[in-house]
Amino acid sequence: MRLWSLHPKYLDPQGLVALWREALLAQAVLRGKTRGYRHHPQLDRFRAQRAPRSAINAYLEAVHAESQRRNYRFDHSKVGPVRTHNPTPVSTEQIRFEWQHLLEKLSRRSPALYRYWRGSSPTPLPHPSFRVQAGPLELWERP
């Protein structure tokens, strides 16, 4: 499971579809609707929120917004209610790590997109559910 801390605009089509599916799986886990992935470390940052289900719904909402921008047909009815909440902190090193990880994936899967993003700003935007703060790689990450 990879719930990117990066803005979904950086993902290629396969990556965005995979993110949608994995975020829906995370939503099901946080709702107690599945037995698999219950202890996945990436879910810890959502569980740490005052309203974990609302936090994953906000995450899904941003992924859905990106899908709409691309004229994809992700089913918005799967996004649950979103309450206002503070963005989740994510470290600068986590963003850097994910950016390198994504560029590696894009170099193999979507070379044109890789060349485009590789030449862009060295500091990518975070997913709208997150705010960047100085710090090391997140404890839940498996480098």
N, C-alpha and C. Protein backbone atom coordinates (compact mmCIF):
# COMPACT_ATOMS: atom_id res chain seq x y z
N MET A 1 0.86 -1.18 0.00
CA MET A 1 0.00 0.00 0.00
C MET A 1 0.90 1.23 0.00
N ARG A 2 0.64 2.14 -0.92
CA ARG A 2 1.37 3.42 -0.97
C ARG A 2 0.34 4.53 -1.01
N LEU A 3 0.22 5.23 0.10
CA LEU A 3 -0.63 6.42 0.17
C LEU A 3 0.32 7.60 0.08
N TRP A 4 0.50 8.09 -1.13
CA TRP A 4 1.50 9.12 -1.39
C TRP A 4 1.27 10.37 -0.56
N SER A 5 2.37 10.93 -0.07
CA SER A 5 2.34 12.23 0.60
C SER A 5 2.46 13.34 -0.43
N LEU A 6 2.82 12.97 -1.65
CA LEU A 6 2.95 13.92 -2.75
C LEU A 6 1.59 14.26 -3.34
N HIS A 7 1.52 15.42 -3.96
CA HIS A 7 0.27 15.81 -4.63
C HIS A 7 -0.03 14.81 -5.74
N PRO A 8 -1.28 14.39 -5.89
CA PRO A 8 -1.62 13.39 -6.91
C PRO A 8 -1.38 13.87 -8.34
N LYS A 9 -1.19 15.14 -8.56
CA LYS A 9 -0.95 15.63 -9.92
C LYS A 9 0.34 15.06 -10.52
N TYR A 10 1.24 14.60 -9.69
CA TYR A 10 2.51 14.07 -10.17
C TYR A 10 2.40 12.63 -10.68
N LEU A 11 1.31 11.96 -10.37
CA LEU A 11 1.17 10.55 -10.72
C LEU A 11 0.78 10.36 -12.18
N ASP A 12 1.28 9.29 -12.76
CA ASP A 12 0.85 8.90 -14.10
C ASP A 12 -0.52 8.23 -13.98
N PRO A 13 -1.17 7.94 -15.11
CA PRO A 13 -2.51 7.34 -15.02
C PRO A 13 -2.57 6.08 -14.16
N GLN A 14 -1.59 5.19 -14.34
CA GLN A 14 -1.60 3.95 -13.55
C GLN A 14 -1.44 4.26 -12.06
N GLY A 15 -0.60 5.22 -11.75
CA GLY A 15 -0.36 5.59 -10.36
C GLY A 15 -1.58 6.20 -9.71
N LEU A 16 -2.30 7.04 -10.46
CA LEU A 16 -3.49 7.68 -9.89
C LEU A 16 -4.60 6.66 -9.64
N VAL A 17 -4.77 5.74 -10.57
CA VAL A 17 -5.79 4.68 -10.38
C VAL A 17 -5.40 3.80 -9.19
N ALA A 18 -4.13 3.45 -9.09
CA ALA A 18 -3.67 2.63 -7.97
C ALA A 18 -3.87 3.37 -6.65
N LEU A 19 -3.58 4.67 -6.64
CA LEU A 19 -3.76 5.45 -5.42
C LEU A 19 -5.23 5.47 -5.00
N TRP A 20 -6.11 5.66 -5.96
CA TRP A 20 -7.55 5.66 -5.66
C TRP A 20 -7.95 4.34 -5.01
N ARG A 21 -7.53 3.24 -5.60
CA ARG A 21 -7.89 1.91 -5.07
C ARG A 21 -7.29 1.68 -3.68
N GLU A 22 -6.04 2.08 -3.51
CA GLU A 22 -5.38 1.85 -2.22
C GLU A 22 -5.96 2.75 -1.13
N ALA A 23 -6.34 3.97 -1.50
CA ALA A 23 -6.97 4.86 -0.52
C ALA A 23 -8.36 4.33 -0.14
N LEU A 24 -9.07 3.75 -1.10
CA LEU A 24 -10.36 3.13 -0.77
C LEU A 24 -10.18 1.94 0.16
N LEU A 25 -9.11 1.17 -0.06
CA LEU A 25 -8.80 0.06 0.84
C LEU A 25 -8.49 0.60 2.23
N ALA A 26 -7.70 1.67 2.30
CA ALA A 26 -7.39 2.28 3.60
C ALA A 26 -8.66 2.76 4.29
N GLN A 27 -9.56 3.32 3.52
CA GLN A 27 -10.85 3.78 4.08
C GLN A 27 -11.61 2.59 4.68
N ALA A 28 -11.63 1.47 3.95
CA ALA A 28 -12.32 0.27 4.44
C ALA A 28 -11.67 -0.24 5.73
N VAL A 29 -10.35 -0.20 5.79
CA VAL A 29 -9.65 -0.64 6.99
C VAL A 29 -10.03 0.26 8.17
N LEU A 30 -10.00 1.58 7.95
CA LEU A 30 -10.31 2.52 9.04
C LEU A 30 -11.78 2.44 9.47
N ARG A 31 -12.62 1.95 8.60
CA ARG A 31 -14.03 1.75 8.95
C ARG A 31 -14.26 0.39 9.61
N GLY A 32 -13.22 -0.43 9.67
CA GLY A 32 -13.36 -1.77 10.24
C GLY A 32 -14.07 -2.73 9.31
N LYS A 33 -14.02 -2.50 8.01
CA LYS A 33 -14.76 -3.31 7.04
C LYS A 33 -13.91 -4.40 6.37
N THR A 34 -12.66 -4.57 6.81
CA THR A 34 -11.81 -5.59 6.23
C THR A 34 -10.85 -6.12 7.28
N ARG A 35 -10.38 -7.32 7.07
CA ARG A 35 -9.43 -7.89 8.01
C ARG A 35 -7.99 -7.69 7.54
N GLY A 36 -7.80 -7.52 6.25
CA GLY A 36 -6.46 -7.32 5.72
C GLY A 36 -5.96 -5.89 5.93
N TYR A 37 -4.67 -5.73 5.97
CA TYR A 37 -4.00 -4.41 6.04
C TYR A 37 -4.30 -3.63 7.32
N ARG A 38 -4.90 -4.25 8.31
CA ARG A 38 -5.26 -3.51 9.53
C ARG A 38 -4.08 -2.90 10.24
N HIS A 39 -2.91 -3.50 10.09
CA HIS A 39 -1.73 -3.02 10.81
C HIS A 39 -0.72 -2.37 9.87
N HIS A 40 -1.17 -1.95 8.71
CA HIS A 40 -0.25 -1.33 7.76
C HIS A 40 0.26 -0.01 8.34
N PRO A 41 1.58 0.18 8.34
CA PRO A 41 2.15 1.36 9.00
C PRO A 41 1.72 2.70 8.40
N GLN A 42 1.38 2.74 7.12
CA GLN A 42 0.97 4.02 6.54
C GLN A 42 -0.37 4.51 7.10
N LEU A 43 -1.13 3.61 7.69
CA LEU A 43 -2.41 4.03 8.26
C LEU A 43 -2.25 4.74 9.60
N ASP A 44 -1.07 4.61 10.20
CA ASP A 44 -0.84 5.24 11.51
C ASP A 44 -1.07 6.75 11.46
N ARG A 45 -0.66 7.39 10.38
CA ARG A 45 -0.83 8.86 10.33
C ARG A 45 -2.29 9.26 10.22
N PHE A 46 -3.13 8.41 9.69
CA PHE A 46 -4.56 8.69 9.67
C PHE A 46 -5.18 8.37 11.03
N ARG A 47 -4.75 7.27 11.63
CA ARG A 47 -5.26 6.90 12.95
C ARG A 47 -4.90 7.94 14.01
N ALA A 48 -3.81 8.65 13.80
CA ALA A 48 -3.37 9.66 14.77
C ALA A 48 -4.24 10.92 14.73
N GLN A 49 -5.09 11.03 13.73
CA GLN A 49 -5.96 12.19 13.61
C GLN A 49 -7.14 12.09 14.58
N ARG A 50 -7.69 13.22 14.92
CA ARG A 50 -8.86 13.25 15.82
C ARG A 50 -10.03 12.49 15.20
N ALA A 51 -10.17 12.59 13.88
CA ALA A 51 -11.23 11.88 13.16
C ALA A 51 -10.60 11.12 11.98
N PRO A 52 -10.09 9.91 12.23
CA PRO A 52 -9.37 9.16 11.19
C PRO A 52 -10.16 8.94 9.91
N ARG A 53 -11.44 8.62 10.05
CA ARG A 53 -12.24 8.36 8.84
C ARG A 53 -12.44 9.63 8.03
N SER A 54 -12.63 10.74 8.69
CA SER A 54 -12.74 12.00 7.97
C SER A 54 -11.41 12.36 7.30
N ALA A 55 -10.30 12.03 7.95
CA ALA A 55 -8.98 12.31 7.38
C ALA A 55 -8.76 11.51 6.09
N ILE A 56 -9.13 10.23 6.09
CA ILE A 56 -8.95 9.43 4.86
C ILE A 56 -9.95 9.89 3.80
N ASN A 57 -11.12 10.34 4.22
CA ASN A 57 -12.09 10.87 3.25
C ASN A 57 -11.55 12.15 2.60
N ALA A 58 -10.90 13.00 3.38
CA ALA A 58 -10.29 14.22 2.82
C ALA A 58 -9.18 13.85 1.85
N TYR A 59 -8.43 12.82 2.17
CA TYR A 59 -7.38 12.34 1.29
C TYR A 59 -7.99 11.88 -0.03
N LEU A 60 -9.05 11.08 0.07
CA LEU A 60 -9.75 10.59 -1.13
C LEU A 60 -10.35 11.74 -1.94
N GLU A 61 -10.86 12.74 -1.25
CA GLU A 61 -11.47 13.89 -1.93
C GLU A 61 -10.46 14.56 -2.86
N ALA A 62 -9.22 14.71 -2.40
CA ALA A 62 -8.18 15.34 -3.22
C ALA A 62 -7.79 14.44 -4.39
N VAL A 63 -7.77 13.14 -4.18
CA VAL A 63 -7.47 12.21 -5.28
C VAL A 63 -8.60 12.28 -6.30
N HIS A 64 -9.84 12.34 -5.81
CA HIS A 64 -10.98 12.46 -6.72
C HIS A 64 -10.91 13.76 -7.51
N ALA A 65 -10.54 14.86 -6.86
CA ALA A 65 -10.42 16.15 -7.56
C ALA A 65 -9.41 16.06 -8.70
N GLU A 66 -8.30 15.38 -8.45
CA GLU A 66 -7.31 15.21 -9.52
C GLU A 66 -7.88 14.35 -10.65
N SER A 67 -8.66 13.34 -10.29
CA SER A 67 -9.26 12.49 -11.33
C SER A 67 -10.23 13.31 -12.18
N GLN A 68 -10.97 14.20 -11.55
CA GLN A 68 -11.89 15.07 -12.29
C GLN A 68 -11.12 16.00 -13.24
N ARG A 69 -10.01 16.53 -12.76
CA ARG A 69 -9.18 17.42 -13.58
C ARG A 69 -8.73 16.69 -14.85
N ARG A 70 -8.52 15.39 -14.75
CA ARG A 70 -8.07 14.58 -15.88
C ARG A 70 -9.23 13.95 -16.67
N ASN A 71 -10.44 14.28 -16.28
CA ASN A 71 -11.64 13.72 -16.92
C ASN A 71 -11.77 12.21 -16.74
N TYR A 72 -11.32 11.71 -15.60
CA TYR A 72 -11.53 10.31 -15.24
C TYR A 72 -12.89 10.21 -14.57
N ARG A 73 -13.38 9.00 -14.40
CA ARG A 73 -14.70 8.79 -13.81
C ARG A 73 -14.62 8.00 -12.52
N PHE A 74 -13.89 8.49 -11.55
CA PHE A 74 -13.86 7.85 -10.23
C PHE A 74 -15.20 8.13 -9.56
N ASP A 75 -15.71 7.15 -8.86
CA ASP A 75 -17.03 7.25 -8.23
C ASP A 75 -16.96 8.07 -6.94
N HIS A 76 -17.43 9.31 -7.02
CA HIS A 76 -17.37 10.20 -5.86
C HIS A 76 -18.23 9.72 -4.70
N SER A 77 -19.22 8.90 -4.96
CA SER A 77 -20.07 8.42 -3.87
C SER A 77 -19.28 7.56 -2.87
N LYS A 78 -18.10 7.10 -3.27
CA LYS A 78 -17.27 6.30 -2.37
C LYS A 78 -16.51 7.15 -1.36
N VAL A 79 -16.46 8.46 -1.59
CA VAL A 79 -15.80 9.35 -0.65
C VAL A 79 -16.80 9.68 0.45
N GLY A 80 -16.43 9.39 1.67
CA GLY A 80 -17.33 9.66 2.79
C GLY A 80 -17.30 11.13 3.18
N PRO A 81 -18.02 11.46 4.25
CA PRO A 81 -18.09 12.86 4.69
C PRO A 81 -16.72 13.38 5.14
N VAL A 82 -16.48 14.63 4.77
CA VAL A 82 -15.21 15.27 5.11
C VAL A 82 -15.50 16.44 6.04
N ARG A 83 -14.95 16.37 7.23
CA ARG A 83 -15.05 17.49 8.16
C ARG A 83 -13.77 18.31 8.03
N THR A 84 -13.84 19.54 8.44
CA THR A 84 -12.63 20.36 8.44
C THR A 84 -11.66 19.80 9.46
N HIS A 85 -10.43 19.61 9.04
CA HIS A 85 -9.41 19.14 9.97
C HIS A 85 -8.07 19.75 9.59
N ASN A 86 -7.17 19.76 10.53
CA ASN A 86 -5.85 20.30 10.28
C ASN A 86 -5.07 19.34 9.39
N PRO A 87 -4.30 19.88 8.45
CA PRO A 87 -3.48 18.99 7.63
C PRO A 87 -2.51 18.18 8.49
N THR A 88 -2.27 16.96 8.08
CA THR A 88 -1.37 16.06 8.78
C THR A 88 0.07 16.45 8.47
N PRO A 89 0.93 16.53 9.46
CA PRO A 89 2.34 16.85 9.16
C PRO A 89 3.02 15.70 8.43
N VAL A 90 3.90 16.06 7.51
CA VAL A 90 4.75 15.10 6.82
C VAL A 90 6.13 15.74 6.73
N SER A 91 7.15 14.95 6.90
CA SER A 91 8.51 15.50 6.98
C SER A 91 9.09 15.81 5.60
N THR A 92 10.03 16.73 5.60
CA THR A 92 10.73 17.09 4.36
C THR A 92 11.45 15.88 3.79
N GLU A 93 12.03 15.06 4.65
CA GLU A 93 12.74 13.88 4.15
C GLU A 93 11.78 12.85 3.57
N GLN A 94 10.57 12.77 4.11
CA GLN A 94 9.57 11.86 3.55
C GLN A 94 9.19 12.31 2.14
N ILE A 95 8.98 13.61 1.98
CA ILE A 95 8.65 14.15 0.65
C ILE A 95 9.79 13.88 -0.32
N ARG A 96 11.03 14.13 0.13
CA ARG A 96 12.19 13.89 -0.74
C ARG A 96 12.27 12.41 -1.13
N PHE A 97 12.10 11.52 -0.15
CA PHE A 97 12.16 10.09 -0.42
C PHE A 97 11.10 9.67 -1.41
N GLU A 98 9.85 10.11 -1.19
CA GLU A 98 8.75 9.73 -2.09
C GLU A 98 8.96 10.30 -3.49
N TRP A 99 9.50 11.51 -3.57
CA TRP A 99 9.74 12.12 -4.87
C TRP A 99 10.73 11.27 -5.67
N GLN A 100 11.82 10.85 -5.03
CA GLN A 100 12.80 10.00 -5.71
C GLN A 100 12.17 8.65 -6.08
N HIS A 101 11.39 8.11 -5.19
CA HIS A 101 10.71 6.82 -5.44
C HIS A 101 9.76 6.95 -6.63
N LEU A 102 9.00 8.03 -6.66
CA LEU A 102 8.07 8.24 -7.78
C LEU A 102 8.83 8.44 -9.09
N LEU A 103 9.89 9.23 -9.07
CA LEU A 103 10.66 9.44 -10.30
C LEU A 103 11.22 8.13 -10.84
N GLU A 104 11.66 7.26 -9.95
CA GLU A 104 12.14 5.94 -10.39
C GLU A 104 11.03 5.16 -11.06
N LYS A 105 9.84 5.16 -10.47
CA LYS A 105 8.70 4.46 -11.07
C LYS A 105 8.36 5.06 -12.44
N LEU A 106 8.31 6.39 -12.50
CA LEU A 106 7.96 7.05 -13.76
C LEU A 106 9.01 6.80 -14.84
N SER A 107 10.27 6.70 -14.47
CA SER A 107 11.32 6.47 -15.47
C SER A 107 11.10 5.16 -16.21
N ARG A 108 10.53 4.18 -15.53
CA ARG A 108 10.25 2.89 -16.16
C ARG A 108 8.87 2.84 -16.82
N ARG A 109 7.89 3.44 -16.18
CA ARG A 109 6.50 3.28 -16.59
C ARG A 109 6.02 4.37 -17.53
N SER A 110 6.48 5.59 -17.32
CA SER A 110 6.01 6.75 -18.10
C SER A 110 7.19 7.69 -18.37
N PRO A 111 8.08 7.31 -19.28
CA PRO A 111 9.30 8.10 -19.50
C PRO A 111 9.06 9.57 -19.83
N ALA A 112 8.04 9.88 -20.59
CA ALA A 112 7.78 11.29 -20.93
C ALA A 112 7.41 12.09 -19.68
N LEU A 113 6.58 11.52 -18.84
CA LEU A 113 6.20 12.18 -17.60
C LEU A 113 7.40 12.30 -16.66
N TYR A 114 8.23 11.28 -16.67
CA TYR A 114 9.47 11.32 -15.88
C TYR A 114 10.33 12.51 -16.31
N ARG A 115 10.54 12.66 -17.60
CA ARG A 115 11.36 13.77 -18.08
C ARG A 115 10.74 15.12 -17.72
N TYR A 116 9.43 15.21 -17.80
CA TYR A 116 8.73 16.45 -17.46
C TYR A 116 8.92 16.81 -15.99
N TRP A 117 8.63 15.84 -15.10
CA TRP A 117 8.72 16.13 -13.67
C TRP A 117 10.15 16.24 -13.18
N ARG A 118 11.06 15.49 -13.77
CA ARG A 118 12.47 15.56 -13.37
C ARG A 118 13.02 16.97 -13.58
N GLY A 119 12.55 17.64 -14.62
CA GLY A 119 13.02 18.98 -14.91
C GLY A 119 12.24 20.07 -14.19
N SER A 120 11.28 19.69 -13.37
CA SER A 120 10.45 20.69 -12.68
C SER A 120 11.09 21.10 -11.37
N SER A 121 10.34 21.79 -10.58
CA SER A 121 10.79 22.29 -9.28
C SER A 121 11.36 21.15 -8.43
N PRO A 122 12.49 21.39 -7.76
CA PRO A 122 13.07 20.34 -6.92
C PRO A 122 12.28 20.08 -5.64
N THR A 123 11.33 20.95 -5.32
CA THR A 123 10.51 20.76 -4.13
C THR A 123 9.06 20.52 -4.55
N PRO A 124 8.65 19.26 -4.65
CA PRO A 124 7.27 18.98 -5.07
C PRO A 124 6.26 19.36 -3.99
N LEU A 125 5.06 19.60 -4.43
CA LEU A 125 3.97 19.92 -3.51
C LEU A 125 3.49 18.67 -2.79
N PRO A 126 3.05 18.83 -1.55
CA PRO A 126 2.47 17.68 -0.85
C PRO A 126 1.01 17.48 -1.27
N HIS A 127 0.50 16.31 -0.97
CA HIS A 127 -0.93 16.05 -1.10
C HIS A 127 -1.65 17.10 -0.26
N PRO A 128 -2.81 17.61 -0.70
CA PRO A 128 -3.50 18.65 0.07
C PRO A 128 -3.85 18.29 1.52
N SER A 129 -3.86 17.01 1.87
CA SER A 129 -4.15 16.60 3.24
C SER A 129 -2.95 16.74 4.17
N PHE A 130 -1.80 17.10 3.61
CA PHE A 130 -0.57 17.16 4.40
C PHE A 130 0.05 18.54 4.37
N ARG A 131 0.82 18.83 5.41
CA ARG A 131 1.65 20.04 5.44
C ARG A 131 3.07 19.59 5.76
N VAL A 132 4.01 20.17 5.05
CA VAL A 132 5.41 19.77 5.19
C VAL A 132 6.05 20.50 6.36
N GLN A 133 6.82 19.75 7.13
CA GLN A 133 7.61 20.34 8.20
C GLN A 133 8.97 19.66 8.19
N ALA A 134 9.97 20.37 8.62
CA ALA A 134 11.33 19.83 8.64
C ALA A 134 11.37 18.56 9.48
N GLY A 135 12.11 17.58 9.00
CA GLY A 135 12.24 16.36 9.78
C GLY A 135 12.77 15.20 8.96
N PRO A 136 13.10 14.10 9.65
CA PRO A 136 13.64 12.91 9.00
C PRO A 136 12.55 12.07 8.33
N LEU A 137 12.98 11.02 7.70
CA LEU A 137 12.06 10.06 7.09
C LEU A 137 11.08 9.58 8.15
N GLU A 138 9.82 9.45 7.79
CA GLU A 138 8.79 9.01 8.73
C GLU A 138 9.11 7.60 9.25
N LEU A 139 8.76 7.34 10.49
CA LEU A 139 9.06 6.05 11.11
C LEU A 139 8.38 4.88 10.41
N TRP A 140 7.22 5.12 9.81
CA TRP A 140 6.48 4.04 9.17
C TRP A 140 7.02 3.70 7.78
N GLU A 141 7.89 4.54 7.24
CA GLU A 141 8.41 4.29 5.88
C GLU A 141 9.40 3.13 5.90
N ARG A 142 9.37 2.36 4.83
CA ARG A 142 10.29 1.23 4.67
C ARG A 142 11.19 1.50 3.48
N PRO A 143 12.36 2.13 3.73
CA PRO A 143 13.24 2.48 2.60
C PRO A 143 13.87 1.26 1.94
